[in-house]
PDB file of N, CA and C in Angstrom:
ATOM      1  N   MET A   1     -41.669 -41.075  12.982  1.00  0.00           N
ATOM      2  CA  MET A   1     -40.248 -40.631  13.058  1.00  0.00           C
ATOM      3  C   MET A   1     -39.257 -41.800  12.822  1.00  0.00           C
ATOM      4  N   GLN A   2     -38.343 -41.596  12.036  1.00  0.00           N
ATOM      5  CA  GLN A   2     -37.353 -42.725  11.916  1.00  0.00           C
ATOM      6  C   GLN A   2     -36.308 -42.735  12.947  1.00  0.00           C
ATOM      7  N   PRO A   3     -35.734 -43.837  13.351  1.00  0.00           N
ATOM      8  CA  PRO A   3     -34.691 -43.934  14.274  1.00  0.00           C
ATOM      9  C   PRO A   3     -33.389 -43.269  13.727  1.00  0.00           C
ATOM     10  N   VAL A   4     -32.606 -42.647  14.527  1.00  0.00           N
ATOM     11  CA  VAL A   4     -31.289 -42.096  14.178  1.00  0.00           C
ATOM     12  C   VAL A   4     -30.289 -43.228  14.162  1.00  0.00           C
ATOM     13  N   ASP A   5     -29.507 -43.283  13.066  1.00  0.00           N
ATOM     14  CA  ASP A   5     -28.485 -44.276  12.912  1.00  0.00           C
ATOM     15  C   ASP A   5     -27.260 -43.733  13.595  1.00  0.00           C
ATOM     16  N   PRO A   6     -26.755 -44.455  14.605  1.00  0.00           N
ATOM     17  CA  PRO A   6     -25.599 -44.063  15.399  1.00  0.00           C
ATOM     18  C   PRO A   6     -24.303 -43.891  14.471  1.00  0.00           C
ATOM     19  N   ALA A   7     -24.205 -44.779  13.467  1.00  0.00           N
ATOM     20  CA  ALA A   7     -23.027 -44.639  12.552  1.00  0.00           C
ATOM     21  C   ALA A   7     -23.109 -43.315  11.836  1.00  0.00           C
ATOM     22  N   MET A   8     -24.350 -42.945  11.331  1.00  0.00           N
ATOM     23  CA  MET A   8     -24.430 -41.570  10.629  1.00  0.00           C
ATOM     24  C   MET A   8     -24.084 -40.459  11.515  1.00  0.00           C
ATOM     25  N   VAL A   9     -24.518 -40.512  12.777  1.00  0.00           N
ATOM     26  CA  VAL A   9     -24.269 -39.408  13.743  1.00  0.00           C
ATOM     27  C   VAL A   9     -22.691 -39.353  13.962  1.00  0.00           C
ATOM     28  N   LYS A  10     -22.053 -40.513  14.120  1.00  0.00           N
ATOM     29  CA  LYS A  10     -20.605 -40.526  14.244  1.00  0.00           C
ATOM     30  C   LYS A  10     -19.872 -39.945  13.035  1.00  0.00           C
ATOM     31  N   TYR A  11     -20.377 -40.325  11.859  1.00  0.00           N
ATOM     32  CA  TYR A  11     -19.823 -39.902  10.605  1.00  0.00           C
ATOM     33  C   TYR A  11     -20.032 -38.309  10.486  1.00  0.00           C
ATOM     34  N   LEU A  12     -21.140 -37.767  10.792  1.00  0.00           N
ATOM     35  CA  LEU A  12     -21.356 -36.417  10.749  1.00  0.00           C
ATOM     36  C   LEU A  12     -20.484 -35.695  11.780  1.00  0.00           C
ATOM     37  N   ARG A  13     -20.324 -36.203  12.947  1.00  0.00           N
ATOM     38  CA  ARG A  13     -19.470 -35.663  13.974  1.00  0.00           C
ATOM     39  C   ARG A  13     -18.038 -35.511  13.514  1.00  0.00           C
ATOM     40  N   VAL A  14     -17.539 -36.549  12.846  1.00  0.00           N
ATOM     41  CA  VAL A  14     -16.181 -36.554  12.273  1.00  0.00           C
ATOM     42  C   VAL A  14     -16.106 -35.456  11.168  1.00  0.00           C
ATOM     43  N   LEU A  15     -17.099 -35.389  10.309  1.00  0.00           N
ATOM     44  CA  LEU A  15     -17.041 -34.365   9.235  1.00  0.00           C
ATOM     45  C   LEU A  15     -17.066 -32.905   9.822  1.00  0.00           C
ATOM     46  N   VAL A  16     -17.873 -32.683  10.894  1.00  0.00           N
ATOM     47  CA  VAL A  16     -17.875 -31.362  11.501  1.00  0.00           C
ATOM     48  C   VAL A  16     -16.579 -31.043  12.144  1.00  0.00           C
ATOM     49  N   THR A  17     -15.962 -31.967  12.839  1.00  0.00           N
ATOM     50  CA  THR A  17     -14.703 -31.826  13.483  1.00  0.00           C
ATOM     51  C   THR A  17     -13.618 -31.519  12.459  1.00  0.00           C
ATOM     52  N   ALA A  18     -13.665 -32.245  11.371  1.00  0.00           N
ATOM     53  CA  ALA A  18     -12.668 -32.030  10.197  1.00  0.00           C
ATOM     54  C   ALA A  18     -12.787 -30.586   9.649  1.00  0.00           C
ATOM     55  N   LEU A  19     -14.067 -30.200   9.388  1.00  0.00           N
ATOM     56  CA  LEU A  19     -14.366 -28.885   8.850  1.00  0.00           C
ATOM     57  C   LEU A  19     -13.844 -27.781   9.842  1.00  0.00           C
ATOM     58  N   THR A  20     -14.100 -27.954  11.139  1.00  0.00           N
ATOM     59  CA  THR A  20     -13.667 -27.004  12.109  1.00  0.00           C
ATOM     60  C   THR A  20     -12.175 -26.936  12.180  1.00  0.00           C
ATOM     61  N   ALA A  21     -11.460 -27.988  12.106  1.00  0.00           N
ATOM     62  CA  ALA A  21      -9.978 -28.042  12.120  1.00  0.00           C
ATOM     63  C   ALA A  21      -9.468 -27.399  10.886  1.00  0.00           C
ATOM     64  N   THR A  22     -10.062 -27.674   9.730  1.00  0.00           N
ATOM     65  CA  THR A  22      -9.616 -27.025   8.477  1.00  0.00           C
ATOM     66  C   THR A  22      -9.830 -25.570   8.548  1.00  0.00           C
ATOM     67  N   MET A  23     -10.921 -25.058   9.081  1.00  0.00           N
ATOM     68  CA  MET A  23     -11.116 -23.614   9.148  1.00  0.00           C
ATOM     69  C   MET A  23     -10.184 -22.958  10.105  1.00  0.00           C
ATOM     70  N   ILE A  24      -9.808 -23.593  11.240  1.00  0.00           N
ATOM     71  CA  ILE A  24      -8.890 -23.051  12.164  1.00  0.00           C
ATOM     72  C   ILE A  24      -7.472 -22.970  11.613  1.00  0.00           C
ATOM     73  N   ILE A  25      -7.071 -24.030  10.862  1.00  0.00           N
ATOM     74  CA  ILE A  25      -5.741 -24.071  10.267  1.00  0.00           C
ATOM     75  C   ILE A  25      -5.721 -22.971   9.175  1.00  0.00           C
ATOM     76  N   GLY A  26      -6.769 -22.944   8.439  1.00  0.00           N
ATOM     77  CA  GLY A  26      -6.818 -21.949   7.265  1.00  0.00           C
ATOM     78  C   GLY A  26      -6.705 -20.504   7.844  1.00  0.00           C
ATOM     79  N   PHE A  27      -7.408 -20.220   8.971  1.00  0.00           N
ATOM     80  CA  PHE A  27      -7.312 -18.904   9.559  1.00  0.00           C
ATOM     81  C   PHE A  27      -5.910 -18.572  10.020  1.00  0.00           C
ATOM     82  N   ILE A  28      -5.236 -19.592  10.655  1.00  0.00           N
ATOM     83  CA  ILE A  28      -3.905 -19.431  11.116  1.00  0.00           C
ATOM     84  C   ILE A  28      -2.937 -19.128   9.916  1.00  0.00           C
ATOM     85  N   ILE A  29      -3.162 -19.879   8.818  1.00  0.00           N
ATOM     86  CA  ILE A  29      -2.260 -19.659   7.730  1.00  0.00           C
ATOM     87  C   ILE A  29      -2.464 -18.266   7.072  1.00  0.00           C
ATOM     88  N   ILE A  30      -3.765 -17.850   7.003  1.00  0.00           N
ATOM     89  CA  ILE A  30      -4.034 -16.489   6.384  1.00  0.00           C
ATOM     90  C   ILE A  30      -3.440 -15.438   7.339  1.00  0.00           C
ATOM     91  N   THR A  31      -3.579 -15.547   8.596  1.00  0.00           N
ATOM     92  CA  THR A  31      -2.980 -14.623   9.633  1.00  0.00           C
ATOM     93  C   THR A  31      -1.515 -14.551   9.394  1.00  0.00           C
ATOM     94  N   ALA A  32      -0.794 -15.686   9.410  1.00  0.00           N
ATOM     95  CA  ALA A  32       0.571 -15.732   9.173  1.00  0.00           C
ATOM     96  C   ALA A  32       1.024 -15.079   7.927  1.00  0.00           C
ATOM     97  N   LEU A  33       0.274 -15.334   6.863  1.00  0.00           N
ATOM     98  CA  LEU A  33       0.634 -14.653   5.544  1.00  0.00           C
ATOM     99  C   LEU A  33       0.581 -13.156   5.597  1.00  0.00           C
ATOM    100  N   PHE A  34      -0.501 -12.642   6.208  1.00  0.00           N
ATOM    101  CA  PHE A  34      -0.666 -11.218   6.373  1.00  0.00           C
ATOM    102  C   PHE A  34       0.480 -10.673   7.201  1.00  0.00           C
ATOM    103  N   VAL A  35       0.804 -11.282   8.358  1.00  0.00           N
ATOM    104  CA  VAL A  35       1.930 -10.841   9.171  1.00  0.00           C
ATOM    105  C   VAL A  35       3.216 -10.788   8.408  1.00  0.00           C
ATOM    106  N   THR A  36       3.537 -11.883   7.722  1.00  0.00           N
ATOM    107  CA  THR A  36       4.829 -11.961   7.029  1.00  0.00           C
ATOM    108  C   THR A  36       4.918 -10.999   5.798  1.00  0.00           C
ATOM    109  N   ARG A  37       3.757 -10.824   5.139  1.00  0.00           N
ATOM    110  CA  ARG A  37       3.713  -9.949   3.974  1.00  0.00           C
ATOM    111  C   ARG A  37       3.846  -8.466   4.297  1.00  0.00           C
ATOM    112  N   PHE A  38       3.114  -8.108   5.323  1.00  0.00           N
ATOM    113  CA  PHE A  38       3.006  -6.600   5.707  1.00  0.00           C
ATOM    114  C   PHE A  38       4.068  -6.250   6.752  1.00  0.00           C
ATOM    115  N   ALA A  39       4.728  -7.093   7.417  1.00  0.00           N
ATOM    116  CA  ALA A  39       5.582  -6.755   8.544  1.00  0.00           C
ATOM    117  C   ALA A  39       6.824  -6.064   7.922  1.00  0.00           C
ATOM    118  N   GLY A  40       7.295  -6.536   6.739  1.00  0.00           N
ATOM    119  CA  GLY A  40       8.485  -5.907   6.145  1.00  0.00           C
ATOM    120  C   GLY A  40       8.161  -4.837   5.162  1.00  0.00           C
ATOM    121  N   SER A  41       6.917  -4.440   4.953  1.00  0.00           N
ATOM    122  CA  SER A  41       6.606  -3.404   4.095  1.00  0.00           C
ATOM    123  C   SER A  41       6.988  -2.021   4.635  1.00  0.00           C
ATOM    124  N   GLY A  42       7.770  -1.404   3.926  1.00  0.00           N
ATOM    125  CA  GLY A  42       8.206  -0.055   4.241  1.00  0.00           C
ATOM    126  C   GLY A  42       8.814   0.593   2.990  1.00  0.00           C
ATOM    127  N   PRO A  43       9.589   1.607   3.229  1.00  0.00           N
ATOM    128  CA  PRO A  43      10.255   2.257   1.995  1.00  0.00           C
ATOM    129  C   PRO A  43      11.130   1.297   1.314  1.00  0.00           C
ATOM    130  N   VAL A  44      11.040   1.293  -0.005  1.00  0.00           N
ATOM    131  CA  VAL A  44      11.961   0.360  -0.810  1.00  0.00           C
ATOM    132  C   VAL A  44      13.461   0.843  -0.653  1.00  0.00           C
ATOM    133  N   ASP A  45      13.597   2.127  -0.765  1.00  0.00           N
ATOM    134  CA  ASP A  45      14.999   2.682  -0.694  1.00  0.00           C
ATOM    135  C   ASP A  45      15.055   3.500   0.540  1.00  0.00           C
ATOM    136  N   ALA A  46      15.622   3.055   1.582  1.00  0.00           N
ATOM    137  CA  ALA A  46      15.732   3.766   2.900  1.00  0.00           C
ATOM    138  C   ALA A  46      16.561   5.057   2.698  1.00  0.00           C
ATOM    139  N   ASP A  47      17.447   5.142   1.744  1.00  0.00           N
ATOM    140  CA  ASP A  47      18.373   6.324   1.619  1.00  0.00           C
ATOM    141  C   ASP A  47      17.636   7.583   1.070  1.00  0.00           C
ATOM    142  N   VAL A  48      16.426   7.384   0.592  1.00  0.00           N
ATOM    143  CA  VAL A  48      15.707   8.576   0.050  1.00  0.00           C
ATOM    144  C   VAL A  48      15.192   9.377   1.212  1.00  0.00           C
ATOM    145  N   THR A  49      15.510  10.669   1.182  1.00  0.00           N
ATOM    146  CA  THR A  49      15.065  11.681   2.260  1.00  0.00           C
ATOM    147  C   THR A  49      14.348  12.746   1.618  1.00  0.00           C
ATOM    148  N   LEU A  50      13.539  13.309   2.389  1.00  0.00           N
ATOM    149  CA  LEU A  50      12.714  14.568   1.941  1.00  0.00           C
ATOM    150  C   LEU A  50      13.601  15.742   1.965  1.00  0.00           C
ATOM    151  N   PRO A  51      13.372  16.664   0.971  1.00  0.00           N
ATOM    152  CA  PRO A  51      14.064  17.891   1.025  1.00  0.00           C
ATOM    153  C   PRO A  51      13.680  18.763   2.299  1.00  0.00           C
ATOM    154  N   VAL A  52      14.690  19.482   2.798  1.00  0.00           N
ATOM    155  CA  VAL A  52      14.367  20.269   3.980  1.00  0.00           C
ATOM    156  C   VAL A  52      13.377  21.372   3.701  1.00  0.00           C
ATOM    157  N   SER A  53      13.590  22.023   2.596  1.00  0.00           N
ATOM    158  CA  SER A  53      12.605  23.043   2.160  1.00  0.00           C
ATOM    159  C   SER A  53      12.621  23.063   0.697  1.00  0.00           C
ATOM    160  N   ILE A  54      11.469  23.578   0.108  1.00  0.00           N
ATOM    161  CA  ILE A  54      11.367  23.685  -1.350  1.00  0.00           C
ATOM    162  C   ILE A  54      10.850  25.107  -1.608  1.00  0.00           C
ATOM    163  N   THR A  55      11.638  25.746  -2.510  1.00  0.00           N
ATOM    164  CA  THR A  55      11.317  27.075  -2.886  1.00  0.00           C
ATOM    165  C   THR A  55      10.513  27.096  -4.152  1.00  0.00           C
ATOM    166  N   LEU A  56       9.245  27.462  -4.019  1.00  0.00           N
ATOM    167  CA  LEU A  56       8.311  27.501  -5.175  1.00  0.00           C
ATOM    168  C   LEU A  56       8.294  28.956  -5.806  1.00  0.00           C
ATOM    169  N   PRO A  57       8.092  29.037  -6.991  1.00  0.00           N
ATOM    170  CA  PRO A  57       7.918  30.310  -7.696  1.00  0.00           C
ATOM    171  C   PRO A  57       6.830  31.167  -7.049  1.00  0.00           C
ATOM    172  N   ASP A  58       6.879  32.425  -7.052  1.00  0.00           N
ATOM    173  CA  ASP A  58       5.913  33.301  -6.442  1.00  0.00           C
ATOM    174  C   ASP A  58       4.606  33.087  -6.916  1.00  0.00           C
ATOM    175  N   GLY A  59       3.541  33.012  -6.079  1.00  0.00           N
ATOM    176  CA  GLY A  59       2.158  32.839  -6.471  1.00  0.00           C
ATOM    177  C   GLY A  59       1.695  31.497  -6.696  1.00  0.00           C
ATOM    178  N   THR A  60       2.540  30.446  -6.398  1.00  0.00           N
ATOM    179  CA  THR A  60       2.104  29.062  -6.595  1.00  0.00           C
ATOM    180  C   THR A  60       1.943  28.430  -5.210  1.00  0.00           C
ATOM    181  N   ASP A  61       0.963  27.517  -5.109  1.00  0.00           N
ATOM    182  CA  ASP A  61       0.724  26.688  -3.946  1.00  0.00           C
ATOM    183  C   ASP A  61       0.877  25.276  -4.306  1.00  0.00           C
ATOM    184  N   ALA A  62       1.477  24.565  -3.382  1.00  0.00           N
ATOM    185  CA  ALA A  62       1.618  23.073  -3.685  1.00  0.00           C
ATOM    186  C   ALA A  62       0.324  22.308  -3.350  1.00  0.00           C
ATOM    187  N   ALA A  63       0.019  21.362  -4.357  1.00  0.00           N
ATOM    188  CA  ALA A  63      -1.208  20.551  -4.201  1.00  0.00           C
ATOM    189  C   ALA A  63      -0.816  19.077  -3.970  1.00  0.00           C
ATOM    190  N   ALA A  64       0.307  18.682  -4.410  1.00  0.00           N
ATOM    191  CA  ALA A  64       0.823  17.357  -4.307  1.00  0.00           C
ATOM    192  C   ALA A  64       2.343  17.320  -4.414  1.00  0.00           C
ATOM    193  N   PHE A  65       2.938  16.263  -3.924  1.00  0.00           N
ATOM    194  CA  PHE A  65       4.384  16.021  -3.870  1.00  0.00           C
ATOM    195  C   PHE A  65       4.748  14.641  -4.235  1.00  0.00           C
ATOM    196  N   THR A  66       5.762  14.346  -5.065  1.00  0.00           N
ATOM    197  CA  THR A  66       6.212  13.065  -5.262  1.00  0.00           C
ATOM    198  C   THR A  66       7.679  13.145  -5.550  1.00  0.00           C
ATOM    199  N   GLN A  67       8.388  11.926  -5.496  1.00  0.00           N
ATOM    200  CA  GLN A  67       9.820  11.985  -5.657  1.00  0.00           C
ATOM    201  C   GLN A  67      10.381  10.688  -6.448  1.00  0.00           C
ATOM    202  N   GLY A  68      11.420  10.892  -7.108  1.00  0.00           N
ATOM    203  CA  GLY A  68      12.100   9.744  -7.737  1.00  0.00           C
ATOM    204  C   GLY A  68      13.527   9.650  -7.245  1.00  0.00           C
ATOM    205  N   GLY A  69      14.294   8.987  -8.075  1.00  0.00           N
ATOM    206  CA  GLY A  69      15.772   8.760  -7.676  1.00  0.00           C
ATOM    207  C   GLY A  69      16.565  10.047  -7.434  1.00  0.00           C
ATOM    208  N   ASP A  70      16.695  10.836  -8.365  1.00  0.00           N
ATOM    209  CA  ASP A  70      17.395  12.085  -8.216  1.00  0.00           C
ATOM    210  C   ASP A  70      16.563  13.401  -8.450  1.00  0.00           C
ATOM    211  N   TRP A  71      15.316  13.274  -8.334  1.00  0.00           N
ATOM    212  CA  TRP A  71      14.407  14.410  -8.457  1.00  0.00           C
ATOM    213  C   TRP A  71      13.273  14.296  -7.512  1.00  0.00           C
ATOM    214  N   TYR A  72      12.504  15.434  -7.368  1.00  0.00           N
ATOM    215  CA  TYR A  72      11.257  15.507  -6.755  1.00  0.00           C
ATOM    216  C   TYR A  72      10.337  16.430  -7.515  1.00  0.00           C
ATOM    217  N   ALA A  73       9.102  16.202  -7.386  1.00  0.00           N
ATOM    218  CA  ALA A  73       8.133  17.026  -8.185  1.00  0.00           C
ATOM    219  C   ALA A  73       7.037  17.560  -7.259  1.00  0.00           C
ATOM    220  N   VAL A  74       6.576  18.814  -7.599  1.00  0.00           N
ATOM    221  CA  VAL A  74       5.500  19.432  -6.832  1.00  0.00           C
ATOM    222  C   VAL A  74       4.453  19.748  -7.931  1.00  0.00           C
ATOM    223  N   VAL A  75       3.198  19.339  -7.641  1.00  0.00           N
ATOM    224  CA  VAL A  75       2.088  19.685  -8.480  1.00  0.00           C
ATOM    225  C   VAL A  75       1.480  20.878  -7.779  1.00  0.00           C
ATOM    226  N   THR A  76       1.296  21.932  -8.628  1.00  0.00           N
ATOM    227  CA  THR A  76       0.819  23.224  -8.077  1.00  0.00           C
ATOM    228  C   THR A  76      -0.674  23.359  -8.273  1.00  0.00           C
ATOM    229  N   GLY A  77      -1.237  24.307  -7.552  1.00  0.00           N
ATOM    230  CA  GLY A  77      -2.664  24.473  -7.648  1.00  0.00           C
ATOM    231  C   GLY A  77      -3.215  25.005  -9.075  1.00  0.00           C
ATOM    232  N   ASP A  78      -2.204  25.582  -9.790  1.00  0.00           N
ATOM    233  CA  ASP A  78      -2.576  26.122 -11.110  1.00  0.00           C
ATOM    234  C   ASP A  78      -2.270  25.153 -12.225  1.00  0.00           C
ATOM    235  N   ASP A  79      -2.236  23.876 -11.868  1.00  0.00           N
ATOM    236  CA  ASP A  79      -2.096  22.722 -12.889  1.00  0.00           C
ATOM    237  C   ASP A  79      -0.709  22.767 -13.568  1.00  0.00           C
ATOM    238  N   ASN A  80       0.261  22.926 -12.878  1.00  0.00           N
ATOM    239  CA  ASN A  80       1.648  22.764 -13.342  1.00  0.00           C
ATOM    240  C   ASN A  80       2.371  21.667 -12.532  1.00  0.00           C
ATOM    241  N   ILE A  81       3.287  21.013 -13.097  1.00  0.00           N
ATOM    242  CA  ILE A  81       4.158  20.065 -12.499  1.00  0.00           C
ATOM    243  C   ILE A  81       5.600  20.685 -12.475  1.00  0.00           C
ATOM    244  N   LEU A  82       6.137  20.902 -11.327  1.00  0.00           N
ATOM    245  CA  LEU A  82       7.491  21.532 -11.205  1.00  0.00           C
ATOM    246  C   LEU A  82       8.471  20.379 -10.730  1.00  0.00           C
ATOM    247  N   ILE A  83       9.405  20.093 -11.579  1.00  0.00           N
ATOM    248  CA  ILE A  83      10.338  19.023 -11.275  1.00  0.00           C
ATOM    249  C   ILE A  83      11.699  19.678 -10.899  1.00  0.00           C
ATOM    250  N   PHE A  84      12.164  19.279  -9.691  1.00  0.00           N
ATOM    251  CA  PHE A  84      13.400  19.923  -9.176  1.00  0.00           C
ATOM    252  C   PHE A  84      14.450  18.816  -8.990  1.00  0.00           C
ATOM    253  N   ASP A  85      15.721  19.230  -9.110  1.00  0.00           N
ATOM    254  CA  ASP A  85      16.884  18.404  -8.849  1.00  0.00           C
ATOM    255  C   ASP A  85      17.060  18.161  -7.399  1.00  0.00           C
ATOM    256  N   ARG A  86      17.209  16.845  -7.047  1.00  0.00           N
ATOM    257  CA  ARG A  86      17.304  16.511  -5.595  1.00  0.00           C
ATOM    258  C   ARG A  86      18.473  17.077  -4.954  1.00  0.00           C
ATOM    259  N   THR A  87      19.625  17.086  -5.555  1.00  0.00           N
ATOM    260  CA  THR A  87      20.877  17.575  -4.886  1.00  0.00           C
ATOM    261  C   THR A  87      20.983  19.085  -4.797  1.00  0.00           C
ATOM    262  N   SER A  88      20.612  19.730  -5.924  1.00  0.00           N
ATOM    263  CA  SER A  88      20.767  21.273  -5.912  1.00  0.00           C
ATOM    264  C   SER A  88      19.517  21.970  -5.480  1.00  0.00           C
ATOM    265  N   GLY A  89      18.381  21.324  -5.691  1.00  0.00           N
ATOM    266  CA  GLY A  89      17.091  22.018  -5.484  1.00  0.00           C
ATOM    267  C   GLY A  89      16.721  22.928  -6.579  1.00  0.00           C
ATOM    268  N   ALA A  90      17.514  22.902  -7.731  1.00  0.00           N
ATOM    269  CA  ALA A  90      17.142  23.776  -8.845  1.00  0.00           C
ATOM    270  C   ALA A  90      15.992  23.174  -9.698  1.00  0.00           C
ATOM    271  N   LEU A  91      15.184  24.101 -10.204  1.00  0.00           N
ATOM    272  CA  LEU A  91      14.041  23.716 -11.051  1.00  0.00           C
ATOM    273  C   LEU A  91      14.499  23.178 -12.400  1.00  0.00           C
ATOM    274  N   ARG A  92      14.236  21.846 -12.640  1.00  0.00           N
ATOM    275  CA  ARG A  92      14.684  21.222 -13.874  1.00  0.00           C
ATOM    276  C   ARG A  92      13.695  21.470 -14.972  1.00  0.00           C
ATOM    277  N   GLN A  93      12.442  21.272 -14.674  1.00  0.00           N
ATOM    278  CA  GLN A  93      11.433  21.293 -15.758  1.00  0.00           C
ATOM    279  C   GLN A  93      10.087  21.653 -15.214  1.00  0.00           C
ATOM    280  N   THR A  94       9.292  22.373 -16.049  1.00  0.00           N
ATOM    281  CA  THR A  94       7.856  22.671 -15.710  1.00  0.00           C
ATOM    282  C   THR A  94       7.018  22.043 -16.804  1.00  0.00           C
ATOM    283  N   ILE A  95       6.121  21.310 -16.307  1.00  0.00           N
ATOM    284  CA  ILE A  95       5.080  20.715 -17.245  1.00  0.00           C
ATOM    285  C   ILE A  95       3.642  21.279 -17.036  1.00  0.00           C
ATOM    286  N   ARG A  96       3.032  21.751 -18.030  1.00  0.00           N
ATOM    287  CA  ARG A  96       1.732  22.272 -17.942  1.00  0.00           C
ATOM    288  C   ARG A  96       0.653  21.175 -18.157  1.00  0.00           C
ATOM    289  N   ILE A  97      -0.244  21.006 -17.269  1.00  0.00           N
ATOM    290  CA  ILE A  97      -1.313  20.023 -17.398  1.00  0.00           C
ATOM    291  C   ILE A  97      -2.477  20.690 -18.085  1.00  0.00           C
ATOM    292  N   ASP A  98      -2.821  20.145 -19.359  1.00  0.00           N
ATOM    293  CA  ASP A  98      -3.978  20.628 -19.959  1.00  0.00           C
ATOM    294  C   ASP A  98      -5.200  19.839 -19.757  1.00  0.00           C
ATOM    295  N   LEU A  99      -6.187  20.482 -19.058  1.00  0.00           N
ATOM    296  CA  LEU A  99      -7.448  19.824 -18.773  1.00  0.00           C
ATOM    297  C   LEU A  99      -8.469  20.133 -19.826  1.00  0.00           C
ATOM    298  N   GLU A 100      -8.704  19.272 -20.711  1.00  0.00           N
ATOM    299  CA  GLU A 100      -9.726  19.462 -21.780  1.00  0.00           C
ATOM    300  C   GLU A 100     -10.782  18.463 -21.705  1.00  0.00           C
TER     301      GLU A 100
END
Protein backbone atom coordinates (compact mmCIF):
# COMPACT_ATOMS: atom_id res chain seq x y z
CA MET A 1 0.00 0.00 0.00
CA GLN A 2 1.25 3.46 -0.85
CA PRO A 3 1.33 6.21 1.73
CA VAL A 4 -1.36 8.90 1.50
CA ASP A 5 -0.05 12.30 0.50
CA PRO A 6 -1.34 14.92 3.01
CA ALA A 7 -1.24 17.63 0.34
CA MET A 8 -3.51 15.55 -1.91
CA VAL A 9 -5.97 14.95 0.94
CA LYS A 10 -6.08 18.67 1.67
CA TYR A 11 -6.59 19.43 -2.05
CA LEU A 12 -9.46 16.91 -2.28
CA ARG A 13 -11.03 18.32 0.90
CA VAL A 14 -10.98 21.82 -0.66
CA LEU A 15 -12.54 20.47 -3.89
CA VAL A 16 -15.33 18.68 -1.99
CA THR A 17 -16.03 21.77 0.09
CA ALA A 18 -16.16 23.96 -3.04
CA LEU A 19 -18.50 21.50 -4.76
CA THR A 20 -20.78 21.42 -1.71
CA ALA A 21 -20.87 25.22 -1.52
CA THR A 22 -21.61 25.46 -5.27
CA MET A 23 -24.47 22.98 -4.98
CA ILE A 24 -25.99 24.80 -1.98
CA ILE A 25 -25.76 28.18 -3.71
CA GLY A 26 -27.24 26.70 -6.90
CA PHE A 27 -30.13 25.19 -4.98
CA ILE A 28 -30.83 28.54 -3.29
CA ILE A 29 -30.76 30.34 -6.65
CA ILE A 30 -33.11 27.81 -8.29
CA THR A 31 -35.51 28.03 -5.33
CA ALA A 32 -35.46 31.84 -5.49
CA LEU A 33 -36.16 31.76 -9.24
CA PHE A 34 -39.13 29.45 -8.77
CA VAL A 35 -40.54 31.65 -6.02
CA THR A 36 -40.14 34.88 -7.98
CA ARG A 37 -41.44 33.44 -11.26
CA PHE A 38 -44.50 31.68 -9.84
CA ALA A 39 -45.42 34.04 -7.02
CA GLY A 40 -46.88 36.63 -9.39
CA SER A 41 -48.52 34.19 -11.77
CA GLY A 42 -52.21 34.80 -11.87
CA PRO A 43 -54.76 36.10 -14.28
CA VAL A 44 -53.25 38.43 -16.84
CA ASP A 45 -56.33 40.63 -16.95
CA ALA A 46 -57.92 40.89 -13.51
CA ASP A 47 -60.99 42.69 -14.97
CA VAL A 48 -62.21 39.56 -16.78
CA THR A 49 -65.14 38.02 -14.95
CA LEU A 50 -67.13 34.89 -15.61
CA PRO A 51 -70.71 35.24 -16.78
CA VAL A 52 -73.31 34.67 -14.07
CA SER A 53 -75.27 32.27 -16.25
CA ILE A 54 -75.13 30.99 -19.82
CA THR A 55 -78.28 30.06 -21.69
CA LEU A 56 -77.53 27.22 -24.10
CA PRO A 57 -79.85 26.10 -26.89
CA ASP A 58 -82.19 23.26 -25.95
CA GLY A 59 -80.66 19.79 -26.04
CA THR A 60 -77.02 20.87 -25.75
CA ASP A 61 -74.65 20.17 -22.88
CA ALA A 62 -71.45 22.06 -22.25
CA ALA A 63 -68.17 20.14 -22.56
CA ALA A 64 -65.70 23.04 -22.29
CA PHE A 65 -65.59 26.79 -21.72
CA THR A 66 -63.12 29.49 -22.76
CA GLN A 67 -63.16 33.26 -22.97
CA GLY A 68 -61.57 36.15 -24.77
CA GLY A 69 -61.69 39.93 -24.49
CA ASP A 70 -65.33 40.60 -25.34
CA TRP A 71 -66.61 37.06 -25.92
CA TYR A 72 -66.80 33.64 -24.35
CA ALA A 73 -67.26 30.26 -26.01
CA VAL A 74 -68.84 26.98 -25.00
CA VAL A 75 -67.92 23.72 -26.69
CA THR A 76 -70.94 21.44 -26.69
CA GLY A 77 -71.14 17.69 -26.50
CA ASP A 78 -72.42 17.48 -30.08
CA ASP A 79 -69.20 19.06 -31.47
CA ASN A 80 -70.28 22.67 -31.85
CA ILE A 81 -68.57 25.81 -30.61
CA LEU A 82 -71.02 28.48 -29.48
CA ILE A 83 -69.51 31.98 -29.26
CA PHE A 84 -71.41 34.47 -27.10
CA ASP A 85 -71.09 38.24 -26.67
CA ARG A 86 -69.74 39.03 -23.19
CA THR A 87 -71.87 42.13 -22.53
CA SER A 88 -75.25 41.03 -23.90
CA GLY A 89 -74.93 37.23 -23.64
CA ALA A 90 -76.28 36.91 -27.18
CA LEU A 91 -75.11 34.07 -29.41
CA ARG A 92 -72.69 35.56 -31.96
CA GLN A 93 -71.58 32.56 -33.93
CA THR A 94 -71.89 28.78 -34.10
CA ILE A 95 -69.00 26.74 -35.46
CA ARG A 96 -69.43 23.06 -36.37
CA ILE A 97 -66.43 20.84 -35.68
CA ASP A 98 -65.97 18.23 -38.41
CA LEU A 99 -64.27 15.12 -37.11
CA GLU A 100 -63.01 13.22 -40.14
